[in-house]
mmCIF file of all heavy atoms, coordinates in Angstrom:
data_MODEL
# 
_entry.id   MODEL 
# 
loop_
_atom_site.group_PDB 
_atom_site.id 
_atom_site.type_symbol 
_atom_site.label_atom_id 
_atom_site.label_alt_id 
_atom_site.label_comp_id 
_atom_site.label_asym_id 
_atom_site.label_entity_id 
_atom_site.label_seq_id 
_atom_site.pdbx_PDB_ins_code 
_atom_site.Cartn_x 
_atom_site.Cartn_y 
_atom_site.Cartn_z 
_atom_site.occupancy 
_atom_site.B_iso_or_equiv 
_atom_site.pdbx_formal_charge 
_atom_site.auth_seq_id 
_atom_site.auth_comp_id 
_atom_site.auth_asym_id 
_atom_site.auth_atom_id 
_atom_site.pdbx_PDB_model_num 
ATOM 1   N N   . THR A 1 1  ? -3.889 -10.832 -15.707 1.00 0.00 ? 1  THR A N   1 
ATOM 2   C CA  . THR A 1 1  ? -3.939 -12.160 -15.116 1.00 0.00 ? 1  THR A CA  1 
ATOM 3   C C   . THR A 1 1  ? -4.415 -12.023 -13.662 1.00 0.00 ? 1  THR A C   1 
ATOM 4   O O   . THR A 1 1  ? -4.425 -10.949 -13.066 1.00 0.00 ? 1  THR A O   1 
ATOM 5   C CB  . THR A 1 1  ? -2.572 -12.871 -15.172 1.00 0.00 ? 1  THR A CB  1 
ATOM 6   O OG1 . THR A 1 1  ? -1.674 -12.111 -14.334 1.00 0.00 ? 1  THR A OG1 1 
ATOM 7   C CG2 . THR A 1 1  ? -2.045 -12.909 -16.621 1.00 0.00 ? 1  THR A CG2 1 
ATOM 8   N N   . VAL A 1 2  ? -4.727 -13.176 -13.112 1.00 0.00 ? 2  VAL A N   1 
ATOM 9   C CA  . VAL A 1 2  ? -5.163 -13.213 -11.682 1.00 0.00 ? 2  VAL A CA  1 
ATOM 10  C C   . VAL A 1 2  ? -4.000 -12.757 -10.775 1.00 0.00 ? 2  VAL A C   1 
ATOM 11  O O   . VAL A 1 2  ? -4.167 -11.886 -9.828  1.00 0.00 ? 2  VAL A O   1 
ATOM 12  C CB  . VAL A 1 2  ? -5.592 -14.682 -11.250 1.00 0.00 ? 2  VAL A CB  1 
ATOM 13  C CG1 . VAL A 1 2  ? -5.842 -14.689 -9.812  1.00 0.00 ? 2  VAL A CG1 1 
ATOM 14  C CG2 . VAL A 1 2  ? -6.861 -15.062 -12.058 1.00 0.00 ? 2  VAL A CG2 1 
ATOM 15  N N   . PRO A 1 3  ? -2.747 -13.131 -10.959 1.00 0.00 ? 3  PRO A N   1 
ATOM 16  C CA  . PRO A 1 3  ? -1.632 -12.643 -10.178 1.00 0.00 ? 3  PRO A CA  1 
ATOM 17  C C   . PRO A 1 3  ? -1.559 -11.107 -10.244 1.00 0.00 ? 3  PRO A C   1 
ATOM 18  O O   . PRO A 1 3  ? -1.277 -10.430 -9.307  1.00 0.00 ? 3  PRO A O   1 
ATOM 19  C CB  . PRO A 1 3  ? -0.403 -13.343 -10.694 1.00 0.00 ? 3  PRO A CB  1 
ATOM 20  C CG  . PRO A 1 3  ? -0.855 -14.660 -11.228 1.00 0.00 ? 3  PRO A CG  1 
ATOM 21  C CD  . PRO A 1 3  ? -2.243 -14.275 -11.902 1.00 0.00 ? 3  PRO A CD  1 
ATOM 22  N N   . ASP A 1 4  ? -1.739 -10.583 -11.436 1.00 0.00 ? 4  ASP A N   1 
ATOM 23  C CA  . ASP A 1 4  ? -1.577 -9.062  -11.623 1.00 0.00 ? 4  ASP A CA  1 
ATOM 24  C C   . ASP A 1 4  ? -2.754 -8.367  -10.877 1.00 0.00 ? 4  ASP A C   1 
ATOM 25  O O   . ASP A 1 4  ? -2.558 -7.270  -10.399 1.00 0.00 ? 4  ASP A O   1 
ATOM 26  C CB  . ASP A 1 4  ? -1.546 -8.710  -13.083 1.00 0.00 ? 4  ASP A CB  1 
ATOM 27  C CG  . ASP A 1 4  ? -0.171 -8.917  -13.752 1.00 0.00 ? 4  ASP A CG  1 
ATOM 28  O OD1 . ASP A 1 4  ? 0.754  -9.205  -12.981 1.00 0.00 ? 4  ASP A OD1 1 
ATOM 29  O OD2 . ASP A 1 4  ? -0.138 -8.887  -15.038 1.00 0.00 ? 4  ASP A OD2 1 
ATOM 30  N N   . LEU A 1 5  ? -3.917 -8.975  -11.017 1.00 0.00 ? 5  LEU A N   1 
ATOM 31  C CA  . LEU A 1 5  ? -5.023 -8.346  -10.226 1.00 0.00 ? 5  LEU A CA  1 
ATOM 32  C C   . LEU A 1 5  ? -4.807 -8.356  -8.744  1.00 0.00 ? 5  LEU A C   1 
ATOM 33  O O   . LEU A 1 5  ? -5.033 -7.467  -8.024  1.00 0.00 ? 5  LEU A O   1 
ATOM 34  C CB  . LEU A 1 5  ? -6.310 -9.040  -10.531 1.00 0.00 ? 5  LEU A CB  1 
ATOM 35  C CG  . LEU A 1 5  ? -6.867 -8.935  -12.000 1.00 0.00 ? 5  LEU A CG  1 
ATOM 36  C CD1 . LEU A 1 5  ? -8.096 -9.854  -12.161 1.00 0.00 ? 5  LEU A CD1 1 
ATOM 37  C CD2 . LEU A 1 5  ? -7.243 -7.382  -12.189 1.00 0.00 ? 5  LEU A CD2 1 
ATOM 38  N N   . LEU A 1 6  ? -4.225 -9.531  -8.168  1.00 0.00 ? 6  LEU A N   1 
ATOM 39  C CA  . LEU A 1 6  ? -3.922 -9.608  -6.750  1.00 0.00 ? 6  LEU A CA  1 
ATOM 40  C C   . LEU A 1 6  ? -2.786 -8.610  -6.424  1.00 0.00 ? 6  LEU A C   1 
ATOM 41  O O   . LEU A 1 6  ? -2.805 -8.161  -5.306  1.00 0.00 ? 6  LEU A O   1 
ATOM 42  C CB  . LEU A 1 6  ? -3.471 -11.054 -6.462  1.00 0.00 ? 6  LEU A CB  1 
ATOM 43  C CG  . LEU A 1 6  ? -4.524 -12.130 -6.488  1.00 0.00 ? 6  LEU A CG  1 
ATOM 44  C CD1 . LEU A 1 6  ? -3.957 -13.471 -6.325  1.00 0.00 ? 6  LEU A CD1 1 
ATOM 45  C CD2 . LEU A 1 6  ? -5.646 -11.867 -5.531  1.00 0.00 ? 6  LEU A CD2 1 
ATOM 46  N N   . ARG A 1 7  ? -1.962 -8.237  -7.401  1.00 0.00 ? 7  ARG A N   1 
ATOM 47  C CA  . ARG A 1 7  ? -0.858 -7.339  -7.075  1.00 0.00 ? 7  ARG A CA  1 
ATOM 48  C C   . ARG A 1 7  ? -1.447 -5.905  -6.740  1.00 0.00 ? 7  ARG A C   1 
ATOM 49  O O   . ARG A 1 7  ? -0.757 -5.089  -6.098  1.00 0.00 ? 7  ARG A O   1 
ATOM 50  C CB  . ARG A 1 7  ? 0.091  -7.206  -8.223  1.00 0.00 ? 7  ARG A CB  1 
ATOM 51  C CG  . ARG A 1 7  ? 1.011  -8.429  -8.382  1.00 0.00 ? 7  ARG A CG  1 
ATOM 52  C CD  . ARG A 1 7  ? 2.013  -8.357  -9.452  1.00 0.00 ? 7  ARG A CD  1 
ATOM 53  N NE  . ARG A 1 7  ? 2.998  -9.407  -9.343  1.00 0.00 ? 7  ARG A NE  1 
ATOM 54  C CZ  . ARG A 1 7  ? 2.936  -10.483 -10.141 1.00 0.00 ? 7  ARG A CZ  1 
ATOM 55  N NH1 . ARG A 1 7  ? 1.966  -10.669 -10.918 1.00 0.00 ? 7  ARG A NH1 1 
ATOM 56  N NH2 . ARG A 1 7  ? 3.862  -11.395 -9.966  1.00 0.00 ? 7  ARG A NH2 1 
ATOM 57  N N   . LEU A 1 8  ? -2.659 -5.622  -7.144  1.00 0.00 ? 8  LEU A N   1 
ATOM 58  C CA  . LEU A 1 8  ? -3.216 -4.288  -6.943  1.00 0.00 ? 8  LEU A CA  1 
ATOM 59  C C   . LEU A 1 8  ? -3.414 -4.086  -5.380  1.00 0.00 ? 8  LEU A C   1 
ATOM 60  O O   . LEU A 1 8  ? -3.635 -2.920  -4.989  1.00 0.00 ? 8  LEU A O   1 
ATOM 61  C CB  . LEU A 1 8  ? -4.522 -4.151  -7.608  1.00 0.00 ? 8  LEU A CB  1 
ATOM 62  C CG  . LEU A 1 8  ? -4.372 -4.042  -9.152  1.00 0.00 ? 8  LEU A CG  1 
ATOM 63  C CD1 . LEU A 1 8  ? -5.737 -3.898  -9.850  1.00 0.00 ? 8  LEU A CD1 1 
ATOM 64  C CD2 . LEU A 1 8  ? -3.513 -2.798  -9.574  1.00 0.00 ? 8  LEU A CD2 1 
ATOM 65  N N   . VAL A 1 9  ? -3.409 -5.153  -4.597  1.00 0.00 ? 9  VAL A N   1 
ATOM 66  C CA  . VAL A 1 9  ? -3.592 -4.947  -3.148  1.00 0.00 ? 9  VAL A CA  1 
ATOM 67  C C   . VAL A 1 9  ? -2.450 -4.029  -2.626  1.00 0.00 ? 9  VAL A C   1 
ATOM 68  O O   . VAL A 1 9  ? -2.552 -3.451  -1.594  1.00 0.00 ? 9  VAL A O   1 
ATOM 69  C CB  . VAL A 1 9  ? -3.539 -6.289  -2.404  1.00 0.00 ? 9  VAL A CB  1 
ATOM 70  C CG1 . VAL A 1 9  ? -2.153 -6.975  -2.386  1.00 0.00 ? 9  VAL A CG1 1 
ATOM 71  C CG2 . VAL A 1 9  ? -4.111 -6.199  -0.984  1.00 0.00 ? 9  VAL A CG2 1 
ATOM 72  N N   . ALA A 1 10 ? -1.340 -3.981  -3.373  1.00 0.00 ? 10 ALA A N   1 
ATOM 73  C CA  . ALA A 1 10 ? -0.185 -3.124  -2.947  1.00 0.00 ? 10 ALA A CA  1 
ATOM 74  C C   . ALA A 1 10 ? -0.509 -1.656  -2.884  1.00 0.00 ? 10 ALA A C   1 
ATOM 75  O O   . ALA A 1 10 ? 0.082  -0.902  -2.099  1.00 0.00 ? 10 ALA A O   1 
ATOM 76  C CB  . ALA A 1 10 ? 1.102  -3.432  -3.822  1.00 0.00 ? 10 ALA A CB  1 
ATOM 77  N N   . VAL A 1 11 ? -1.451 -1.250  -3.744  1.00 0.00 ? 11 VAL A N   1 
ATOM 78  C CA  . VAL A 1 11 ? -1.721 0.212   -3.838  1.00 0.00 ? 11 VAL A CA  1 
ATOM 79  C C   . VAL A 1 11 ? -2.425 0.653   -2.522  1.00 0.00 ? 11 VAL A C   1 
ATOM 80  O O   . VAL A 1 11 ? -1.853 1.659   -1.894  1.00 0.00 ? 11 VAL A O   1 
ATOM 81  C CB  . VAL A 1 11 ? -2.648 0.494   -4.982  1.00 0.00 ? 11 VAL A CB  1 
ATOM 82  C CG1 . VAL A 1 11 ? -3.155 1.969   -4.987  1.00 0.00 ? 11 VAL A CG1 1 
ATOM 83  C CG2 . VAL A 1 11 ? -2.072 0.107   -6.257  1.00 0.00 ? 11 VAL A CG2 1 
ATOM 84  N N   . PRO A 1 12 ? -3.499 0.132   -2.043  1.00 0.00 ? 12 PRO A N   1 
ATOM 85  C CA  . PRO A 1 12 ? -4.089 0.683   -0.682  1.00 0.00 ? 12 PRO A CA  1 
ATOM 86  C C   . PRO A 1 12 ? -3.096 0.394   0.446   1.00 0.00 ? 12 PRO A C   1 
ATOM 87  O O   . PRO A 1 12 ? -3.007 1.279   1.388   1.00 0.00 ? 12 PRO A O   1 
ATOM 88  C CB  . PRO A 1 12 ? -5.407 -0.067  -0.553  1.00 0.00 ? 12 PRO A CB  1 
ATOM 89  C CG  . PRO A 1 12 ? -5.199 -1.340  -1.396  1.00 0.00 ? 12 PRO A CG  1 
ATOM 90  C CD  . PRO A 1 12 ? -4.371 -0.904  -2.520  1.00 0.00 ? 12 PRO A CD  1 
ATOM 91  N N   . VAL A 1 13 ? -2.288 -0.647  0.427   1.00 0.00 ? 13 VAL A N   1 
ATOM 92  C CA  . VAL A 1 13 ? -1.474 -0.928  1.532   1.00 0.00 ? 13 VAL A CA  1 
ATOM 93  C C   . VAL A 1 13 ? -0.332 0.079   1.607   1.00 0.00 ? 13 VAL A C   1 
ATOM 94  O O   . VAL A 1 13 ? -0.015 0.657   2.623   1.00 0.00 ? 13 VAL A O   1 
ATOM 95  C CB  . VAL A 1 13 ? -0.896 -2.405  1.422   1.00 0.00 ? 13 VAL A CB  1 
ATOM 96  C CG1 . VAL A 1 13 ? 0.296  -2.561  2.500   1.00 0.00 ? 13 VAL A CG1 1 
ATOM 97  C CG2 . VAL A 1 13 ? -1.934 -3.414  1.620   1.00 0.00 ? 13 VAL A CG2 1 
ATOM 98  N N   . PHE A 1 14 ? 0.281  0.326   0.407   1.00 0.00 ? 14 PHE A N   1 
ATOM 99  C CA  . PHE A 1 14 ? 1.325  1.413   0.323   1.00 0.00 ? 14 PHE A CA  1 
ATOM 100 C C   . PHE A 1 14 ? 0.774  2.778   0.554   1.00 0.00 ? 14 PHE A C   1 
ATOM 101 O O   . PHE A 1 14 ? 1.513  3.616   1.087   1.00 0.00 ? 14 PHE A O   1 
ATOM 102 C CB  . PHE A 1 14 ? 2.075  1.216   -0.985  1.00 0.00 ? 14 PHE A CB  1 
ATOM 103 C CG  . PHE A 1 14 ? 3.242  0.332   -0.952  1.00 0.00 ? 14 PHE A CG  1 
ATOM 104 C CD1 . PHE A 1 14 ? 3.063  -0.964  -1.077  1.00 0.00 ? 14 PHE A CD1 1 
ATOM 105 C CD2 . PHE A 1 14 ? 4.571  0.799   -0.757  1.00 0.00 ? 14 PHE A CD2 1 
ATOM 106 C CE1 . PHE A 1 14 ? 4.121  -1.899  -0.962  1.00 0.00 ? 14 PHE A CE1 1 
ATOM 107 C CE2 . PHE A 1 14 ? 5.617  -0.090  -0.682  1.00 0.00 ? 14 PHE A CE2 1 
ATOM 108 C CZ  . PHE A 1 14 ? 5.375  -1.398  -0.854  1.00 0.00 ? 14 PHE A CZ  1 
ATOM 109 N N   . ALA A 1 15 ? -0.395 3.029   0.345   1.00 0.00 ? 15 ALA A N   1 
ATOM 110 C CA  . ALA A 1 15 ? -1.092 4.360   0.586   1.00 0.00 ? 15 ALA A CA  1 
ATOM 111 C C   . ALA A 1 15 ? -1.112 4.473   2.160   1.00 0.00 ? 15 ALA A C   1 
ATOM 112 O O   . ALA A 1 15 ? -0.709 5.572   2.671   1.00 0.00 ? 15 ALA A O   1 
ATOM 113 C CB  . ALA A 1 15 ? -2.451 4.459   -0.002  1.00 0.00 ? 15 ALA A CB  1 
ATOM 114 N N   . TRP A 1 16 ? -1.562 3.472   2.790   1.00 0.00 ? 16 TRP A N   1 
ATOM 115 C CA  . TRP A 1 16 ? -1.662 3.524   4.287   1.00 0.00 ? 16 TRP A CA  1 
ATOM 116 C C   . TRP A 1 16 ? -0.295 3.642   4.875   1.00 0.00 ? 16 TRP A C   1 
ATOM 117 O O   . TRP A 1 16 ? -0.059 4.414   5.869   1.00 0.00 ? 16 TRP A O   1 
ATOM 118 C CB  . TRP A 1 16 ? -2.304 2.220   4.707   1.00 0.00 ? 16 TRP A CB  1 
ATOM 119 C CG  . TRP A 1 16 ? -2.375 2.045   6.206   1.00 0.00 ? 16 TRP A CG  1 
ATOM 120 C CD1 . TRP A 1 16 ? -3.167 2.629   7.140   1.00 0.00 ? 16 TRP A CD1 1 
ATOM 121 C CD2 . TRP A 1 16 ? -1.416 1.350   7.069   1.00 0.00 ? 16 TRP A CD2 1 
ATOM 122 N NE1 . TRP A 1 16 ? -2.865 2.295   8.405   1.00 0.00 ? 16 TRP A NE1 1 
ATOM 123 C CE2 . TRP A 1 16 ? -1.787 1.508   8.406   1.00 0.00 ? 16 TRP A CE2 1 
ATOM 124 C CE3 . TRP A 1 16 ? -0.393 0.531   6.792   1.00 0.00 ? 16 TRP A CE3 1 
ATOM 125 C CZ2 . TRP A 1 16 ? -1.068 0.903   9.415   1.00 0.00 ? 16 TRP A CZ2 1 
ATOM 126 C CZ3 . TRP A 1 16 ? 0.384  -0.132  7.814   1.00 0.00 ? 16 TRP A CZ3 1 
ATOM 127 C CH2 . TRP A 1 16 ? 0.026  0.052   9.105   1.00 0.00 ? 16 TRP A CH2 1 
ATOM 128 N N   . ILE A 1 17 ? 0.713  2.876   4.354   1.00 0.00 ? 17 ILE A N   1 
ATOM 129 C CA  . ILE A 1 17 ? 2.121  2.934   4.863   1.00 0.00 ? 17 ILE A CA  1 
ATOM 130 C C   . ILE A 1 17 ? 2.642  4.377   4.723   1.00 0.00 ? 17 ILE A C   1 
ATOM 131 O O   . ILE A 1 17 ? 3.233  4.936   5.618   1.00 0.00 ? 17 ILE A O   1 
ATOM 132 C CB  . ILE A 1 17 ? 3.016  1.959   4.102   1.00 0.00 ? 17 ILE A CB  1 
ATOM 133 C CG1 . ILE A 1 17 ? 2.561  0.578   4.505   1.00 0.00 ? 17 ILE A CG1 1 
ATOM 134 C CG2 . ILE A 1 17 ? 4.472  2.223   4.402   1.00 0.00 ? 17 ILE A CG2 1 
ATOM 135 C CD1 . ILE A 1 17 ? 3.267  -0.558  3.745   1.00 0.00 ? 17 ILE A CD1 1 
ATOM 136 N N   . ALA A 1 18 ? 2.393  5.029   3.491   1.00 0.00 ? 18 ALA A N   1 
ATOM 137 C CA  . ALA A 1 18 ? 2.900  6.339   3.291   1.00 0.00 ? 18 ALA A CA  1 
ATOM 138 C C   . ALA A 1 18 ? 2.226  7.410   4.234   1.00 0.00 ? 18 ALA A C   1 
ATOM 139 O O   . ALA A 1 18 ? 2.969  8.303   4.841   1.00 0.00 ? 18 ALA A O   1 
ATOM 140 C CB  . ALA A 1 18 ? 2.620  6.762   1.814   1.00 0.00 ? 18 ALA A CB  1 
ATOM 141 N N   . ILE A 1 19 ? 0.935  7.297   4.489   1.00 0.00 ? 19 ILE A N   1 
ATOM 142 C CA  . ILE A 1 19 ? 0.292  8.099   5.375   1.00 0.00 ? 19 ILE A CA  1 
ATOM 143 C C   . ILE A 1 19 ? 0.804  8.018   6.845   1.00 0.00 ? 19 ILE A C   1 
ATOM 144 O O   . ILE A 1 19 ? 0.987  8.987   7.476   1.00 0.00 ? 19 ILE A O   1 
ATOM 145 C CB  . ILE A 1 19 ? -1.251 7.908   5.316   1.00 0.00 ? 19 ILE A CB  1 
ATOM 146 C CG1 . ILE A 1 19 ? -1.791 8.333   3.989   1.00 0.00 ? 19 ILE A CG1 1 
ATOM 147 C CG2 . ILE A 1 19 ? -2.006 8.656   6.429   1.00 0.00 ? 19 ILE A CG2 1 
ATOM 148 C CD1 . ILE A 1 19 ? -3.233 7.992   3.802   1.00 0.00 ? 19 ILE A CD1 1 
ATOM 149 N N   . ARG A 1 20 ? 0.952  6.754   7.186   1.00 0.00 ? 20 ARG A N   1 
ATOM 150 C CA  . ARG A 1 20 ? 1.474  6.468   8.510   1.00 0.00 ? 20 ARG A CA  1 
ATOM 151 C C   . ARG A 1 20 ? 2.858  6.998   8.752   1.00 0.00 ? 20 ARG A C   1 
ATOM 152 O O   . ARG A 1 20 ? 3.261  7.558   9.758   1.00 0.00 ? 20 ARG A O   1 
ATOM 153 C CB  . ARG A 1 20 ? 1.414  5.032   8.866   1.00 0.00 ? 20 ARG A CB  1 
ATOM 154 C CG  . ARG A 1 20 ? 1.998  4.601   10.156  1.00 0.00 ? 20 ARG A CG  1 
ATOM 155 C CD  . ARG A 1 20 ? 1.700  3.172   10.550  1.00 0.00 ? 20 ARG A CD  1 
ATOM 156 N NE  . ARG A 1 20 ? 2.276  2.852   11.853  1.00 0.00 ? 20 ARG A NE  1 
ATOM 157 C CZ  . ARG A 1 20 ? 1.800  3.174   13.015  1.00 0.00 ? 20 ARG A CZ  1 
ATOM 158 N NH1 . ARG A 1 20 ? 0.614  3.828   13.037  1.00 0.00 ? 20 ARG A NH1 1 
ATOM 159 N NH2 . ARG A 1 20 ? 2.387  2.835   14.156  1.00 0.00 ? 20 ARG A NH2 1 
ATOM 160 N N   . ASP A 1 21 ? 3.734  6.875   7.658   1.00 0.00 ? 21 ASP A N   1 
ATOM 161 C CA  . ASP A 1 21 ? 5.134  7.392   7.745   1.00 0.00 ? 21 ASP A CA  1 
ATOM 162 C C   . ASP A 1 21 ? 5.137  8.875   7.840   1.00 0.00 ? 21 ASP A C   1 
ATOM 163 O O   . ASP A 1 21 ? 5.976  9.436   8.530   1.00 0.00 ? 21 ASP A O   1 
ATOM 164 C CB  . ASP A 1 21 ? 5.849  6.885   6.492   1.00 0.00 ? 21 ASP A CB  1 
ATOM 165 C CG  . ASP A 1 21 ? 7.346  6.726   6.798   1.00 0.00 ? 21 ASP A CG  1 
ATOM 166 O OD1 . ASP A 1 21 ? 7.760  6.643   7.968   1.00 0.00 ? 21 ASP A OD1 1 
ATOM 167 O OD2 . ASP A 1 21 ? 8.115  6.755   5.830   1.00 0.00 ? 21 ASP A OD2 1 
ATOM 168 N N   . ILE A 1 22 ? 4.203  9.522   7.117   1.00 0.00 ? 22 ILE A N   1 
ATOM 169 C CA  . ILE A 1 22 ? 4.108  11.045  7.290   1.00 0.00 ? 22 ILE A CA  1 
ATOM 170 C C   . ILE A 1 22 ? 3.690  11.444  8.690   1.00 0.00 ? 22 ILE A C   1 
ATOM 171 O O   . ILE A 1 22 ? 4.372  12.340  9.309   1.00 0.00 ? 22 ILE A O   1 
ATOM 172 C CB  . ILE A 1 22 ? 3.127  11.561  6.326   1.00 0.00 ? 22 ILE A CB  1 
ATOM 173 C CG1 . ILE A 1 22 ? 3.589  11.437  4.914   1.00 0.00 ? 22 ILE A CG1 1 
ATOM 174 C CG2 . ILE A 1 22 ? 2.853  13.012  6.586   1.00 0.00 ? 22 ILE A CG2 1 
ATOM 175 C CD1 . ILE A 1 22 ? 2.621  11.849  3.819   1.00 0.00 ? 22 ILE A CD1 1 
ATOM 176 N N   . LYS A 1 23 ? 2.817  10.684  9.295   1.00 0.00 ? 23 LYS A N   1 
ATOM 177 C CA  . LYS A 1 23 ? 2.271  11.151  10.605  1.00 0.00 ? 23 LYS A CA  1 
ATOM 178 C C   . LYS A 1 23 ? 3.165  10.700  11.750  1.00 0.00 ? 23 LYS A C   1 
ATOM 179 O O   . LYS A 1 23 ? 3.309  11.487  12.751  1.00 0.00 ? 23 LYS A O   1 
ATOM 180 C CB  . LYS A 1 23 ? 0.871  10.488  10.868  1.00 0.00 ? 23 LYS A CB  1 
ATOM 181 C CG  . LYS A 1 23 ? -0.180 11.067  9.916   1.00 0.00 ? 23 LYS A CG  1 
ATOM 182 C CD  . LYS A 1 23 ? -1.591 10.511  10.227  1.00 0.00 ? 23 LYS A CD  1 
ATOM 183 C CE  . LYS A 1 23 ? -2.670 11.157  9.392   1.00 0.00 ? 23 LYS A CE  1 
ATOM 184 N NZ  . LYS A 1 23 ? -3.984 10.515  9.747   1.00 0.00 ? 23 LYS A NZ  1 
ATOM 185 N N   . THR A 1 24 ? 3.785  9.572   11.643  1.00 0.00 ? 24 THR A N   1 
ATOM 186 C CA  . THR A 1 24 ? 4.498  9.019   12.785  1.00 0.00 ? 24 THR A CA  1 
ATOM 187 C C   . THR A 1 24 ? 6.029  8.755   12.539  1.00 0.00 ? 24 THR A C   1 
ATOM 188 O O   . THR A 1 24 ? 6.738  8.558   13.476  1.00 0.00 ? 24 THR A O   1 
ATOM 189 C CB  . THR A 1 24 ? 3.952  7.669   13.265  1.00 0.00 ? 24 THR A CB  1 
ATOM 190 O OG1 . THR A 1 24 ? 4.145  6.712   12.311  1.00 0.00 ? 24 THR A OG1 1 
ATOM 191 C CG2 . THR A 1 24 ? 2.403  7.845   13.552  1.00 0.00 ? 24 THR A CG2 1 
ATOM 192 N N   . ARG A 1 25 ? 6.384  8.753   11.250  1.00 0.00 ? 25 ARG A N   1 
ATOM 193 C CA  . ARG A 1 25 ? 7.756  8.286   10.909  1.00 0.00 ? 25 ARG A CA  1 
ATOM 194 C C   . ARG A 1 25 ? 8.045  6.881   11.411  1.00 0.00 ? 25 ARG A C   1 
ATOM 195 O O   . ARG A 1 25 ? 9.298  6.540   11.639  1.00 0.00 ? 25 ARG A O   1 
ATOM 196 C CB  . ARG A 1 25 ? 8.766  9.294   11.410  1.00 0.00 ? 25 ARG A CB  1 
ATOM 197 C CG  . ARG A 1 25 ? 8.683  10.720  10.805  1.00 0.00 ? 25 ARG A CG  1 
ATOM 198 C CD  . ARG A 1 25 ? 8.914  10.657  9.297   1.00 0.00 ? 25 ARG A CD  1 
ATOM 199 N NE  . ARG A 1 25 ? 9.227  11.999  8.754   1.00 0.00 ? 25 ARG A NE  1 
ATOM 200 C CZ  . ARG A 1 25 ? 8.310  12.939  8.449   1.00 0.00 ? 25 ARG A CZ  1 
ATOM 201 N NH1 . ARG A 1 25 ? 7.044  12.635  8.541   1.00 0.00 ? 25 ARG A NH1 1 
ATOM 202 N NH2 . ARG A 1 25 ? 8.657  14.107  8.004   1.00 0.00 ? 25 ARG A NH2 1 
ATOM 203 N N   . ARG A 1 26 ? 7.072  6.092   11.618  1.00 0.00 ? 26 ARG A N   1 
ATOM 204 C CA  . ARG A 1 26 ? 7.265  4.731   12.108  1.00 0.00 ? 26 ARG A CA  1 
ATOM 205 C C   . ARG A 1 26 ? 6.437  3.811   11.317  1.00 0.00 ? 26 ARG A C   1 
ATOM 206 O O   . ARG A 1 26 ? 5.210  4.043   11.107  1.00 0.00 ? 26 ARG A O   1 
ATOM 207 C CB  . ARG A 1 26 ? 6.876  4.630   13.608  1.00 0.00 ? 26 ARG A CB  1 
ATOM 208 C CG  . ARG A 1 26 ? 7.560  5.569   14.599  1.00 0.00 ? 26 ARG A CG  1 
ATOM 209 C CD  . ARG A 1 26 ? 9.042  5.429   14.583  1.00 0.00 ? 26 ARG A CD  1 
ATOM 210 N NE  . ARG A 1 26 ? 9.668  6.210   15.690  1.00 0.00 ? 26 ARG A NE  1 
ATOM 211 C CZ  . ARG A 1 26 ? 9.935  7.498   15.647  1.00 0.00 ? 26 ARG A CZ  1 
ATOM 212 N NH1 . ARG A 1 26 ? 9.772  8.219   14.445  1.00 0.00 ? 26 ARG A NH1 1 
ATOM 213 N NH2 . ARG A 1 26 ? 10.560 8.110   16.598  1.00 0.00 ? 26 ARG A NH2 1 
# 
């Protein structure tokens, strides 16, 4: 569905968050 497709935005965002957390813990 369209909502499920929009939910895929979580993947790159959480990838960025995880990388930032590794590098800065912030």
